Amino acid sequence: MWEKTTQLKEARNVPVLDGQNFPLWNIMMDVELTARGVCEICYSELQPDANATTTRNWNRINGKEVHLILRRVHPNLLISLVDGVTEKNAKALWNEINGKYASHTFINRGRTWFR
């Protein structure tokens, strides 16, 4: 039982983002975040209005999302992705990763397809 719980915590079914595997990583990370019920912050616009319970819930979910995402990014990429904002905000981190890797990956896939 311990191994199964540990495996779930580490999201081992999501490949480590290495800069070349963004399409697969993106799909698998989205599935993982959705399955854990914590995907709403990556797709939301802003932190909710100040309300003690809402803020506490947002912080809890945000922390889980940041943790899960960063655990599946190669250490060599972390230095270019993580700063004072992205290390504390899942939406900012998600946007940073998508901005750096989504366009390059899809352009390269198009080039391969047209050969």
PDB file of N, CA and C in Angstrom:
ATOM      1  N   MET A   1       0.822  -1.198   0.000  1.00  0.00           N
ATOM      2  CA  MET A   1       0.000   0.000   0.000  1.00  0.00           C
ATOM      3  C   MET A   1       0.864   1.259   0.000  1.00  0.00           C
ATOM      4  N   TRP A   2       1.958   1.237   0.744  1.00  0.00           N
ATOM      5  CA  TRP A   2       2.820   2.412   0.816  1.00  0.00           C
ATOM      6  C   TRP A   2       3.358   2.785  -0.551  1.00  0.00           C
ATOM      7  N   GLU A   3       3.795   1.794  -1.352  1.00  0.00           N
ATOM      8  CA  GLU A   3       4.348   2.082  -2.672  1.00  0.00           C
ATOM      9  C   GLU A   3       3.310   2.735  -3.576  1.00  0.00           C
ATOM     10  N   LYS A   4       2.080   2.250  -3.513  1.00  0.00           N
ATOM     11  CA  LYS A   4       1.028   2.824  -4.343  1.00  0.00           C
ATOM     12  C   LYS A   4       0.772   4.281  -3.956  1.00  0.00           C
ATOM     13  N   THR A   5       0.717   4.564  -2.684  1.00  0.00           N
ATOM     14  CA  THR A   5       0.510   5.929  -2.214  1.00  0.00           C
ATOM     15  C   THR A   5       1.665   6.823  -2.633  1.00  0.00           C
ATOM     16  N   THR A   6       2.886   6.338  -2.494  1.00  0.00           N
ATOM     17  CA  THR A   6       4.062   7.104  -2.887  1.00  0.00           C
ATOM     18  C   THR A   6       4.036   7.388  -4.380  1.00  0.00           C
ATOM     19  N   GLN A   7       3.666   6.394  -5.159  1.00  0.00           N
ATOM     20  CA  GLN A   7       3.612   6.577  -6.604  1.00  0.00           C
ATOM     21  C   GLN A   7       2.602   7.662  -6.964  1.00  0.00           C
ATOM     22  N   LEU A   8       1.462   7.671  -6.317  1.00  0.00           N
ATOM     23  CA  LEU A   8       0.474   8.707  -6.589  1.00  0.00           C
ATOM     24  C   LEU A   8       1.005  10.084  -6.230  1.00  0.00           C
ATOM     25  N   LYS A   9       1.696  10.199  -5.111  1.00  0.00           N
ATOM     26  CA  LYS A   9       2.219  11.491  -4.688  1.00  0.00           C
ATOM     27  C   LYS A   9       3.249  12.031  -5.666  1.00  0.00           C
ATOM     28  N   GLU A  10       4.026  11.156  -6.265  1.00  0.00           N
ATOM     29  CA  GLU A  10       5.098  11.608  -7.145  1.00  0.00           C
ATOM     30  C   GLU A  10       4.675  11.744  -8.604  1.00  0.00           C
ATOM     31  N   ALA A  11       3.470  11.324  -8.956  1.00  0.00           N
ATOM     32  CA  ALA A  11       2.961  11.441 -10.333  1.00  0.00           C
ATOM     33  C   ALA A  11       3.914  10.809 -11.336  1.00  0.00           C
ATOM     34  N   ARG A  12       4.327   9.586 -11.071  1.00  0.00           N
ATOM     35  CA  ARG A  12       5.312   8.928 -11.930  1.00  0.00           C
ATOM     36  C   ARG A  12       4.806   8.610 -13.322  1.00  0.00           C
ATOM     37  N   ASN A  13       3.505   8.631 -13.530  1.00  0.00           N
ATOM     38  CA  ASN A  13       3.001   8.371 -14.873  1.00  0.00           C
ATOM     39  C   ASN A  13       3.175   9.585 -15.787  1.00  0.00           C
ATOM     40  N   VAL A  14       3.561  10.713 -15.238  1.00  0.00           N
ATOM     41  CA  VAL A  14       3.834  11.913 -16.029  1.00  0.00           C
ATOM     42  C   VAL A  14       5.329  11.938 -16.326  1.00  0.00           C
ATOM     43  N   PRO A  15       5.715  12.017 -17.605  1.00  0.00           N
ATOM     44  CA  PRO A  15       7.146  12.068 -17.907  1.00  0.00           C
ATOM     45  C   PRO A  15       7.761  13.365 -17.385  1.00  0.00           C
ATOM     46  N   VAL A  16       9.045  13.341 -17.149  1.00  0.00           N
ATOM     47  CA  VAL A  16       9.757  14.550 -16.742  1.00  0.00           C
ATOM     48  C   VAL A  16       9.921  15.430 -17.981  1.00  0.00           C
ATOM     49  N   LEU A  17       9.488  16.684 -17.886  1.00  0.00           N
ATOM     50  CA  LEU A  17       9.631  17.618 -19.002  1.00  0.00           C
ATOM     51  C   LEU A  17      11.109  17.865 -19.245  1.00  0.00           C
ATOM     52  N   ASP A  18      11.552  17.562 -20.473  1.00  0.00           N
ATOM     53  CA  ASP A  18      12.967  17.723 -20.797  1.00  0.00           C
ATOM     54  C   ASP A  18      13.208  18.756 -21.890  1.00  0.00           C
ATOM     55  N   GLY A  19      12.152  19.438 -22.317  1.00  0.00           N
ATOM     56  CA  GLY A  19      12.280  20.440 -23.362  1.00  0.00           C
ATOM     57  C   GLY A  19      11.943  19.902 -24.743  1.00  0.00           C
ATOM     58  N   GLN A  20      11.954  18.581 -24.909  1.00  0.00           N
ATOM     59  CA  GLN A  20      11.653  17.959 -26.198  1.00  0.00           C
ATOM     60  C   GLN A  20      10.315  17.226 -26.203  1.00  0.00           C
ATOM     61  N   ASN A  21       9.783  16.934 -25.032  1.00  0.00           N
ATOM     62  CA  ASN A  21       8.590  16.096 -24.928  1.00  0.00           C
ATOM     63  C   ASN A  21       7.365  16.865 -24.430  1.00  0.00           C
ATOM     64  N   PHE A  22       7.296  18.141 -24.743  1.00  0.00           N
ATOM     65  CA  PHE A  22       6.210  18.961 -24.221  1.00  0.00           C
ATOM     66  C   PHE A  22       4.814  18.442 -24.552  1.00  0.00           C
ATOM     67  N   PRO A  23       4.502  18.034 -25.792  1.00  0.00           N
ATOM     68  CA  PRO A  23       3.125  17.599 -26.064  1.00  0.00           C
ATOM     69  C   PRO A  23       2.674  16.453 -25.151  1.00  0.00           C
ATOM     70  N   LEU A  24       3.510  15.445 -24.994  1.00  0.00           N
ATOM     71  CA  LEU A  24       3.162  14.328 -24.116  1.00  0.00           C
ATOM     72  C   LEU A  24       3.101  14.784 -22.666  1.00  0.00           C
ATOM     73  N   TRP A  25       4.094  15.547 -22.231  1.00  0.00           N
ATOM     74  CA  TRP A  25       4.121  16.041 -20.849  1.00  0.00           C
ATOM     75  C   TRP A  25       2.865  16.859 -20.551  1.00  0.00           C
ATOM     76  N   ASN A  26       2.490  17.742 -21.466  1.00  0.00           N
ATOM     77  CA  ASN A  26       1.338  18.614 -21.270  1.00  0.00           C
ATOM     78  C   ASN A  26       0.048  17.809 -21.102  1.00  0.00           C
ATOM     79  N   ILE A  27      -0.149  16.829 -21.957  1.00  0.00           N
ATOM     80  CA  ILE A  27      -1.348  15.991 -21.866  1.00  0.00           C
ATOM     81  C   ILE A  27      -1.364  15.224 -20.555  1.00  0.00           C
ATOM     82  N   MET A  28      -0.249  14.575 -20.231  1.00  0.00           N
ATOM     83  CA  MET A  28      -0.191  13.747 -19.027  1.00  0.00           C
ATOM     84  C   MET A  28      -0.301  14.592 -17.756  1.00  0.00           C
ATOM     85  N   MET A  29       0.298  15.771 -17.748  1.00  0.00           N
ATOM     86  CA  MET A  29       0.208  16.635 -16.570  1.00  0.00           C
ATOM     87  C   MET A  29      -1.218  17.143 -16.400  1.00  0.00           C
ATOM     88  N   ASP A  30      -1.863  17.494 -17.492  1.00  0.00           N
ATOM     89  CA  ASP A  30      -3.253  17.935 -17.423  1.00  0.00           C
ATOM     90  C   ASP A  30      -4.143  16.826 -16.859  1.00  0.00           C
ATOM     91  N   VAL A  31      -3.944  15.602 -17.323  1.00  0.00           N
ATOM     92  CA  VAL A  31      -4.713  14.461 -16.814  1.00  0.00           C
ATOM     93  C   VAL A  31      -4.436  14.257 -15.331  1.00  0.00           C
ATOM     94  N   GLU A  32      -3.181  14.345 -14.941  1.00  0.00           N
ATOM     95  CA  GLU A  32      -2.802  14.144 -13.535  1.00  0.00           C
ATOM     96  C   GLU A  32      -3.431  15.206 -12.633  1.00  0.00           C
ATOM     97  N   LEU A  33      -3.336  16.458 -13.027  1.00  0.00           N
ATOM     98  CA  LEU A  33      -3.916  17.536 -12.222  1.00  0.00           C
ATOM     99  C   LEU A  33      -5.432  17.403 -12.137  1.00  0.00           C
ATOM    100  N   THR A  34      -6.060  17.030 -13.245  1.00  0.00           N
ATOM    101  CA  THR A  34      -7.512  16.846 -13.254  1.00  0.00           C
ATOM    102  C   THR A  34      -7.917  15.677 -12.363  1.00  0.00           C
ATOM    103  N   ALA A  35      -7.198  14.567 -12.463  1.00  0.00           N
ATOM    104  CA  ALA A  35      -7.512  13.386 -11.654  1.00  0.00           C
ATOM    105  C   ALA A  35      -7.398  13.677 -10.165  1.00  0.00           C
ATOM    106  N   ARG A  36      -6.478  14.540  -9.808  1.00  0.00           N
ATOM    107  CA  ARG A  36      -6.297  14.893  -8.401  1.00  0.00           C
ATOM    108  C   ARG A  36      -7.232  16.015  -7.954  1.00  0.00           C
ATOM    109  N   GLY A  37      -7.991  16.554  -8.892  1.00  0.00           N
ATOM    110  CA  GLY A  37      -8.946  17.605  -8.559  1.00  0.00           C
ATOM    111  C   GLY A  37      -8.304  18.938  -8.241  1.00  0.00           C
ATOM    112  N   VAL A  38      -7.142  19.207  -8.838  1.00  0.00           N
ATOM    113  CA  VAL A  38      -6.439  20.460  -8.537  1.00  0.00           C
ATOM    114  C   VAL A  38      -6.064  21.237  -9.799  1.00  0.00           C
ATOM    115  N   CYS A  39      -6.783  21.039 -10.893  1.00  0.00           N
ATOM    116  CA  CYS A  39      -6.391  21.704 -12.143  1.00  0.00           C
ATOM    117  C   CYS A  39      -6.968  23.105 -12.304  1.00  0.00           C
ATOM    118  N   GLU A  40      -7.870  23.505 -11.411  1.00  0.00           N
ATOM    119  CA  GLU A  40      -8.583  24.762 -11.653  1.00  0.00           C
ATOM    120  C   GLU A  40      -7.712  26.008 -11.628  1.00  0.00           C
ATOM    121  N   ILE A  41      -6.622  26.022 -10.916  1.00  0.00           N
ATOM    122  CA  ILE A  41      -5.806  27.237 -10.827  1.00  0.00           C
ATOM    123  C   ILE A  41      -5.013  27.467 -12.105  1.00  0.00           C
ATOM    124  N   CYS A  42      -4.511  26.413 -12.716  1.00  0.00           N
ATOM    125  CA  CYS A  42      -3.764  26.568 -13.965  1.00  0.00           C
ATOM    126  C   CYS A  42      -4.611  27.206 -15.056  1.00  0.00           C
ATOM    127  N   TYR A  43      -5.924  27.023 -14.974  1.00  0.00           N
ATOM    128  CA  TYR A  43      -6.816  27.537 -16.004  1.00  0.00           C
ATOM    129  C   TYR A  43      -7.629  28.744 -15.563  1.00  0.00           C
ATOM    130  N   SER A  44      -7.453  29.191 -14.324  1.00  0.00           N
ATOM    131  CA  SER A  44      -8.211  30.345 -13.844  1.00  0.00           C
ATOM    132  C   SER A  44      -7.442  31.624 -14.129  1.00  0.00           C
ATOM    133  N   GLU A  45      -8.111  32.728 -14.011  1.00  0.00           N
ATOM    134  CA  GLU A  45      -7.478  34.007 -14.298  1.00  0.00           C
ATOM    135  C   GLU A  45      -6.739  34.581 -13.096  1.00  0.00           C
ATOM    136  N   LEU A  46      -7.394  34.671 -11.972  1.00  0.00           N
ATOM    137  CA  LEU A  46      -6.806  35.331 -10.813  1.00  0.00           C
ATOM    138  C   LEU A  46      -7.145  34.584  -9.534  1.00  0.00           C
ATOM    139  N   GLN A  47      -6.445  34.956  -8.474  1.00  0.00           N
ATOM    140  CA  GLN A  47      -6.787  34.445  -7.156  1.00  0.00           C
ATOM    141  C   GLN A  47      -8.169  34.981  -6.792  1.00  0.00           C
ATOM    142  N   PRO A  48      -9.003  34.166  -6.129  1.00  0.00           N
ATOM    143  CA  PRO A  48     -10.349  34.631  -5.780  1.00  0.00           C
ATOM    144  C   PRO A  48     -10.324  35.795  -4.800  1.00  0.00           C
ATOM    145  N   ASP A  49     -11.476  36.453  -4.667  1.00  0.00           N
ATOM    146  CA  ASP A  49     -11.604  37.558  -3.712  1.00  0.00           C
ATOM    147  C   ASP A  49     -11.226  37.100  -2.312  1.00  0.00           C
ATOM    148  N   ALA A  50     -10.740  38.037  -1.542  1.00  0.00           N
ATOM    149  CA  ALA A  50     -10.284  37.724  -0.182  1.00  0.00           C
ATOM    150  C   ALA A  50     -11.449  37.270   0.686  1.00  0.00           C
ATOM    151  N   ASN A  51     -11.373  36.038   1.086  1.00  0.00           N
ATOM    152  CA  ASN A  51     -12.315  35.415   2.008  1.00  0.00           C
ATOM    153  C   ASN A  51     -11.479  34.327   2.659  1.00  0.00           C
ATOM    154  N   ALA A  52     -11.463  34.248   3.952  1.00  0.00           N
ATOM    155  CA  ALA A  52     -10.541  33.357   4.659  1.00  0.00           C
ATOM    156  C   ALA A  52     -10.608  31.927   4.151  1.00  0.00           C
ATOM    157  N   THR A  53     -11.800  31.386   4.008  1.00  0.00           N
ATOM    158  CA  THR A  53     -11.934  29.998   3.570  1.00  0.00           C
ATOM    159  C   THR A  53     -11.530  29.835   2.118  1.00  0.00           C
ATOM    160  N   THR A  54     -11.991  30.724   1.263  1.00  0.00           N
ATOM    161  CA  THR A  54     -11.665  30.655  -0.155  1.00  0.00           C
ATOM    162  C   THR A  54     -10.169  30.817  -0.375  1.00  0.00           C
ATOM    163  N   THR A  55      -9.564  31.772   0.291  1.00  0.00           N
ATOM    164  CA  THR A  55      -8.125  31.995   0.156  1.00  0.00           C
ATOM    165  C   THR A  55      -7.337  30.793   0.642  1.00  0.00           C
ATOM    166  N   ARG A  56      -7.744  30.218   1.747  1.00  0.00           N
ATOM    167  CA  ARG A  56      -7.063  29.039   2.289  1.00  0.00           C
ATOM    168  C   ARG A  56      -7.157  27.870   1.302  1.00  0.00           C
ATOM    169  N   ASN A  57      -8.339  27.650   0.736  1.00  0.00           N
ATOM    170  CA  ASN A  57      -8.515  26.584  -0.256  1.00  0.00           C
ATOM    171  C   ASN A  57      -7.687  26.849  -1.509  1.00  0.00           C
ATOM    172  N   TRP A  58      -7.695  28.098  -1.974  1.00  0.00           N
ATOM    173  CA  TRP A  58      -6.916  28.456  -3.159  1.00  0.00           C
ATOM    174  C   TRP A  58      -5.432  28.204  -2.907  1.00  0.00           C
ATOM    175  N   ASN A  59      -4.931  28.627  -1.753  1.00  0.00           N
ATOM    176  CA  ASN A  59      -3.518  28.424  -1.418  1.00  0.00           C
ATOM    177  C   ASN A  59      -3.163  26.944  -1.355  1.00  0.00           C
ATOM    178  N   ARG A  60      -4.054  26.134  -0.808  1.00  0.00           N
ATOM    179  CA  ARG A  60      -3.809  24.694  -0.702  1.00  0.00           C
ATOM    180  C   ARG A  60      -3.732  24.067  -2.094  1.00  0.00           C
ATOM    181  N   ILE A  61      -4.697  24.370  -2.941  1.00  0.00           N
ATOM    182  CA  ILE A  61      -4.719  23.802  -4.285  1.00  0.00           C
ATOM    183  C   ILE A  61      -3.557  24.343  -5.112  1.00  0.00           C
ATOM    184  N   ASN A  62      -3.287  25.627  -5.020  1.00  0.00           N
ATOM    185  CA  ASN A  62      -2.168  26.233  -5.739  1.00  0.00           C
ATOM    186  C   ASN A  62      -0.858  25.553  -5.356  1.00  0.00           C
ATOM    187  N   GLY A  63      -0.641  25.344  -4.076  1.00  0.00           N
ATOM    188  CA  GLY A  63       0.577  24.682  -3.613  1.00  0.00           C
ATOM    189  C   GLY A  63       0.711  23.278  -4.161  1.00  0.00           C
ATOM    190  N   LYS A  64      -0.397  22.537  -4.207  1.00  0.00           N
ATOM    191  CA  LYS A  64      -0.364  21.182  -4.762  1.00  0.00           C
ATOM    192  C   LYS A  64      -0.024  21.213  -6.248  1.00  0.00           C
ATOM    193  N   GLU A  65      -0.617  22.148  -6.979  1.00  0.00           N
ATOM    194  CA  GLU A  65      -0.342  22.247  -8.407  1.00  0.00           C
ATOM    195  C   GLU A  65       1.119  22.586  -8.671  1.00  0.00           C
ATOM    196  N   VAL A  66       1.639  23.576  -7.986  1.00  0.00           N
ATOM    197  CA  VAL A  66       3.047  23.956  -8.166  1.00  0.00           C
ATOM    198  C   VAL A  66       3.942  22.765  -7.845  1.00  0.00           C
ATOM    199  N   HIS A  67       3.669  22.090  -6.749  1.00  0.00           N
ATOM    200  CA  HIS A  67       4.466  20.930  -6.342  1.00  0.00           C
ATOM    201  C   HIS A  67       4.449  19.846  -7.421  1.00  0.00           C
ATOM    202  N   LEU A  68       3.265  19.485  -7.894  1.00  0.00           N
ATOM    203  CA  LEU A  68       3.161  18.427  -8.900  1.00  0.00           C
ATOM    204  C   LEU A  68       3.869  18.808 -10.194  1.00  0.00           C
ATOM    205  N   ILE A  69       3.706  20.035 -10.624  1.00  0.00           N
ATOM    206  CA  ILE A  69       4.328  20.470 -11.875  1.00  0.00           C
ATOM    207  C   ILE A  69       5.848  20.471 -11.745  1.00  0.00           C
ATOM    208  N   LEU A  70       6.364  21.086 -10.696  1.00  0.00           N
ATOM    209  CA  LEU A  70       7.820  21.191 -10.552  1.00  0.00           C
ATOM    210  C   LEU A  70       8.492  19.839 -10.353  1.00  0.00           C
ATOM    211  N   ARG A  71       7.795  18.889  -9.754  1.00  0.00           N
ATOM    212  CA  ARG A  71       8.368  17.552  -9.562  1.00  0.00           C
ATOM    213  C   ARG A  71       8.583  16.833 -10.886  1.00  0.00           C
ATOM    214  N   ARG A  72       7.892  17.267 -11.948  1.00  0.00           N
ATOM    215  CA  ARG A  72       7.996  16.596 -13.236  1.00  0.00           C
ATOM    216  C   ARG A  72       8.647  17.490 -14.289  1.00  0.00           C
ATOM    217  N   VAL A  73       9.533  18.373 -13.858  1.00  0.00           N
ATOM    218  CA  VAL A  73      10.337  19.204 -14.760  1.00  0.00           C
ATOM    219  C   VAL A  73      11.797  18.868 -14.498  1.00  0.00           C
ATOM    220  N   HIS A  74      12.548  18.643 -15.561  1.00  0.00           N
ATOM    221  CA  HIS A  74      13.967  18.308 -15.427  1.00  0.00           C
ATOM    222  C   HIS A  74      14.702  19.439 -14.711  1.00  0.00           C
ATOM    223  N   PRO A  75      15.605  19.093 -13.796  1.00  0.00           N
ATOM    224  CA  PRO A  75      16.335  20.126 -13.041  1.00  0.00           C
ATOM    225  C   PRO A  75      17.049  21.151 -13.919  1.00  0.00           C
ATOM    226  N   ASN A  76      17.520  20.750 -15.095  1.00  0.00           N
ATOM    227  CA  ASN A  76      18.203  21.696 -15.983  1.00  0.00           C
ATOM    228  C   ASN A  76      17.269  22.783 -16.513  1.00  0.00           C
ATOM    229  N   LEU A  77      15.969  22.506 -16.543  1.00  0.00           N
ATOM    230  CA  LEU A  77      15.005  23.490 -17.035  1.00  0.00           C
ATOM    231  C   LEU A  77      14.474  24.396 -15.938  1.00  0.00           C
ATOM    232  N   LEU A  78      14.577  23.940 -14.701  1.00  0.00           N
ATOM    233  CA  LEU A  78      13.996  24.698 -13.589  1.00  0.00           C
ATOM    234  C   LEU A  78      14.537  26.114 -13.494  1.00  0.00           C
ATOM    235  N   ILE A  79      15.814  26.280 -13.710  1.00  0.00           N
ATOM    236  CA  ILE A  79      16.439  27.595 -13.545  1.00  0.00           C
ATOM    237  C   ILE A  79      15.853  28.621 -14.509  1.00  0.00           C
ATOM    238  N   SER A  80      15.411  28.177 -15.682  1.00  0.00           N
ATOM    239  CA  SER A  80      14.830  29.120 -16.641  1.00  0.00           C
ATOM    240  C   SER A  80      13.322  29.302 -16.452  1.00  0.00           C
ATOM    241  N   LEU A  81      12.701  28.461 -15.638  1.00  0.00           N
ATOM    242  CA  LEU A  81      11.253  28.530 -15.449  1.00  0.00           C
ATOM    243  C   LEU A  81      10.829  29.138 -14.124  1.00  0.00           C
ATOM    244  N   VAL A  82      11.644  28.953 -13.104  1.00  0.00           N
ATOM    245  CA  VAL A  82      11.231  29.314 -11.749  1.00  0.00           C
ATOM    246  C   VAL A  82      11.846  30.642 -11.337  1.00  0.00           C
ATOM    247  N   ASP A  83      10.986  31.529 -10.863  1.00  0.00           N
ATOM    248  CA  ASP A  83      11.431  32.793 -10.284  1.00  0.00           C
ATOM    249  C   ASP A  83      10.536  33.087  -9.085  1.00  0.00           C
ATOM    250  N   GLY A  84      10.590  34.277  -8.564  1.00  0.00           N
ATOM    251  CA  GLY A  84       9.810  34.625  -7.383  1.00  0.00           C
ATOM    252  C   GLY A  84       8.308  34.526  -7.572  1.00  0.00           C
ATOM    253  N   VAL A  85       7.843  34.629  -8.808  1.00  0.00           N
ATOM    254  CA  VAL A  85       6.410  34.537  -9.082  1.00  0.00           C
ATOM    255  C   VAL A  85       6.012  33.097  -9.394  1.00  0.00           C
ATOM    256  N   THR A  86       6.722  32.462 -10.323  1.00  0.00           N
ATOM    257  CA  THR A  86       6.312  31.131 -10.771  1.00  0.00           C
ATOM    258  C   THR A  86       6.482  30.055  -9.708  1.00  0.00           C
ATOM    259  N   GLU A  87       7.372  30.269  -8.742  1.00  0.00           N
ATOM    260  CA  GLU A  87       7.533  29.252  -7.707  1.00  0.00           C
ATOM    261  C   GLU A  87       6.372  29.254  -6.719  1.00  0.00           C
ATOM    262  N   LYS A  88       5.544  30.299  -6.770  1.00  0.00           N
ATOM    263  CA  LYS A  88       4.437  30.416  -5.823  1.00  0.00           C
ATOM    264  C   LYS A  88       3.074  30.502  -6.488  1.00  0.00           C
ATOM    265  N   ASN A  89       3.026  30.465  -7.815  1.00  0.00           N
ATOM    266  CA  ASN A  89       1.755  30.632  -8.509  1.00  0.00           C
ATOM    267  C   ASN A  89       1.657  29.637  -9.660  1.00  0.00           C
ATOM    268  N   ALA A  90       0.741  28.679  -9.535  1.00  0.00           N
ATOM    269  CA  ALA A  90       0.596  27.621 -10.534  1.00  0.00           C
ATOM    270  C   ALA A  90       0.229  28.178 -11.904  1.00  0.00           C
ATOM    271  N   LYS A  91      -0.631  29.173 -11.945  1.00  0.00           N
ATOM    272  CA  LYS A  91      -1.044  29.772 -13.221  1.00  0.00           C
ATOM    273  C   LYS A  91       0.154  30.398 -13.931  1.00  0.00           C
ATOM    274  N   ALA A  92       0.963  31.152 -13.201  1.00  0.00           N
ATOM    275  CA  ALA A  92       2.152  31.779 -13.783  1.00  0.00           C
ATOM    276  C   ALA A  92       3.148  30.719 -14.253  1.00  0.00           C
ATOM    277  N   LEU A  93       3.324  29.672 -13.467  1.00  0.00           N
ATOM    278  CA  LEU A  93       4.237  28.586 -13.839  1.00  0.00           C
ATOM    279  C   LEU A  93       3.737  27.871 -15.089  1.00  0.00           C
ATOM    280  N   TRP A  94       2.453  27.552 -15.128  1.00  0.00           N
ATOM    281  CA  TRP A  94       1.853  26.875 -16.283  1.00  0.00           C
ATOM    282  C   TRP A  94       2.019  27.724 -17.541  1.00  0.00           C
ATOM    283  N   ASN A  95       1.763  29.027 -17.428  1.00  0.00           N
ATOM    284  CA  ASN A  95       1.915  29.927 -18.575  1.00  0.00           C
ATOM    285  C   ASN A  95       3.365  30.016 -19.029  1.00  0.00           C
ATOM    286  N   GLU A  96       4.292  30.056 -18.089  1.00  0.00           N
ATOM    287  CA  GLU A  96       5.719  30.118 -18.420  1.00  0.00           C
ATOM    288  C   GLU A  96       6.147  28.877 -19.198  1.00  0.00           C
ATOM    289  N   ILE A  97       5.749  27.717 -18.730  1.00  0.00           N
ATOM    290  CA  ILE A  97       6.103  26.463 -19.408  1.00  0.00           C
ATOM    291  C   ILE A  97       5.485  26.424 -20.799  1.00  0.00           C
ATOM    292  N   ASN A  98       4.214  26.760 -20.899  1.00  0.00           N
ATOM    293  CA  ASN A  98       3.556  26.760 -22.206  1.00  0.00           C
ATOM    294  C   ASN A  98       4.186  27.771 -23.150  1.00  0.00           C
ATOM    295  N   GLY A  99       4.533  28.945 -22.644  1.00  0.00           N
ATOM    296  CA  GLY A  99       5.160  29.966 -23.477  1.00  0.00           C
ATOM    297  C   GLY A  99       6.510  29.543 -24.021  1.00  0.00           C
ATOM    298  N   LYS A 100       7.263  28.815 -23.235  1.00  0.00           N
ATOM    299  CA  LYS A 100       8.604  28.402 -23.666  1.00  0.00           C
ATOM    300  C   LYS A 100       8.592  27.178 -24.567  1.00  0.00           C
ATOM    301  N   TYR A 101       7.686  26.240 -24.337  1.00  0.00           N
ATOM    302  CA  TYR A 101       7.784  24.953 -25.016  1.00  0.00           C
ATOM    303  C   TYR A 101       6.651  24.635 -25.979  1.00  0.00           C
ATOM    304  N   ALA A 102       5.480  25.193 -25.811  1.00  0.00           N
ATOM    305  CA  ALA A 102       4.354  24.826 -26.680  1.00  0.00           C
ATOM    306  C   ALA A 102       4.590  25.258 -28.114  1.00  0.00           C
ATOM    307  N   SER A 103       4.946  26.508 -28.345  1.00  0.00           N
ATOM    308  CA  SER A 103       5.086  26.993 -29.713  1.00  0.00           C
ATOM    309  C   SER A 103       6.219  26.292 -30.443  1.00  0.00           C
ATOM    310  N   HIS A 104       7.348  26.091 -29.785  1.00  0.00           N
ATOM    311  CA  HIS A 104       8.487  25.431 -30.427  1.00  0.00           C
ATOM    312  C   HIS A 104       8.142  23.998 -30.803  1.00  0.00           C
ATOM    313  N   THR A 105       7.476  23.314 -29.928  1.00  0.00           N
ATOM    314  CA  THR A 105       7.151  21.921 -30.161  1.00  0.00           C
ATOM    315  C   THR A 105       6.172  21.781 -31.314  1.00  0.00           C
ATOM    316  N   PHE A 106       5.133  22.609 -31.349  1.00  0.00           N
ATOM    317  CA  PHE A 106       4.140  22.499 -32.405  1.00  0.00           C
ATOM    318  C   PHE A 106       4.711  22.938 -33.749  1.00  0.00           C
ATOM    319  N   ILE A 107       5.604  23.913 -33.775  1.00  0.00           N
ATOM    320  CA  ILE A 107       6.266  24.307 -35.020  1.00  0.00           C
ATOM    321  C   ILE A 107       7.107  23.150 -35.531  1.00  0.00           C
ATOM    322  N   ASN A 108       7.861  22.523 -34.659  1.00  0.00           N
ATOM    323  CA  ASN A 108       8.702  21.397 -35.061  1.00  0.00           C
ATOM    324  C   ASN A 108       7.861  20.228 -35.558  1.00  0.00           C
ATOM    325  N   ARG A 109       6.732  19.969 -34.926  1.00  0.00           N
ATOM    326  CA  ARG A 109       5.862  18.889 -35.392  1.00  0.00           C
ATOM    327  C   ARG A 109       5.341  19.202 -36.782  1.00  0.00           C
ATOM    328  N   GLY A 110       5.027  20.468 -37.061  1.00  0.00           N
ATOM    329  CA  GLY A 110       4.558  20.853 -38.381  1.00  0.00           C
ATOM    330  C   GLY A 110       5.630  20.673 -39.434  1.00  0.00           C
ATOM    331  N   ARG A 111       6.857  21.009 -39.109  1.00  0.00           N
ATOM    332  CA  ARG A 111       7.966  20.829 -40.043  1.00  0.00           C
ATOM    333  C   ARG A 111       8.155  19.361 -40.375  1.00  0.00           C
ATOM    334  N   THR A 112       8.056  18.506 -39.384  1.00  0.00           N
ATOM    335  CA  THR A 112       8.212  17.072 -39.595  1.00  0.00           C
ATOM    336  C   THR A 112       7.094  16.546 -40.487  1.00  0.00           C
ATOM    337  N   TRP A 113       5.882  17.029 -40.277  1.00  0.00           N
ATOM    338  CA  TRP A 113       4.740  16.553 -41.027  1.00  0.00           C
ATOM    339  C   TRP A 113       4.839  16.942 -42.505  1.00  0.00           C
ATOM    340  N   PHE A 114       5.367  18.131 -42.807  1.00  0.00           N
ATOM    341  CA  PHE A 114       5.427  18.605 -44.186  1.00  0.00           C
ATOM    342  C   PHE A 114       6.580  18.012 -44.987  1.00  0.00           C
ATOM    343  N   ARG A 115       7.456  17.241 -44.381  1.00  0.00           N
ATOM    344  CA  ARG A 115       8.588  16.651 -45.121  1.00  0.00           C
ATOM    345  C   ARG A 115       8.148  15.596 -46.077  1.00  0.00           C
TER     346      ARG A 115
END
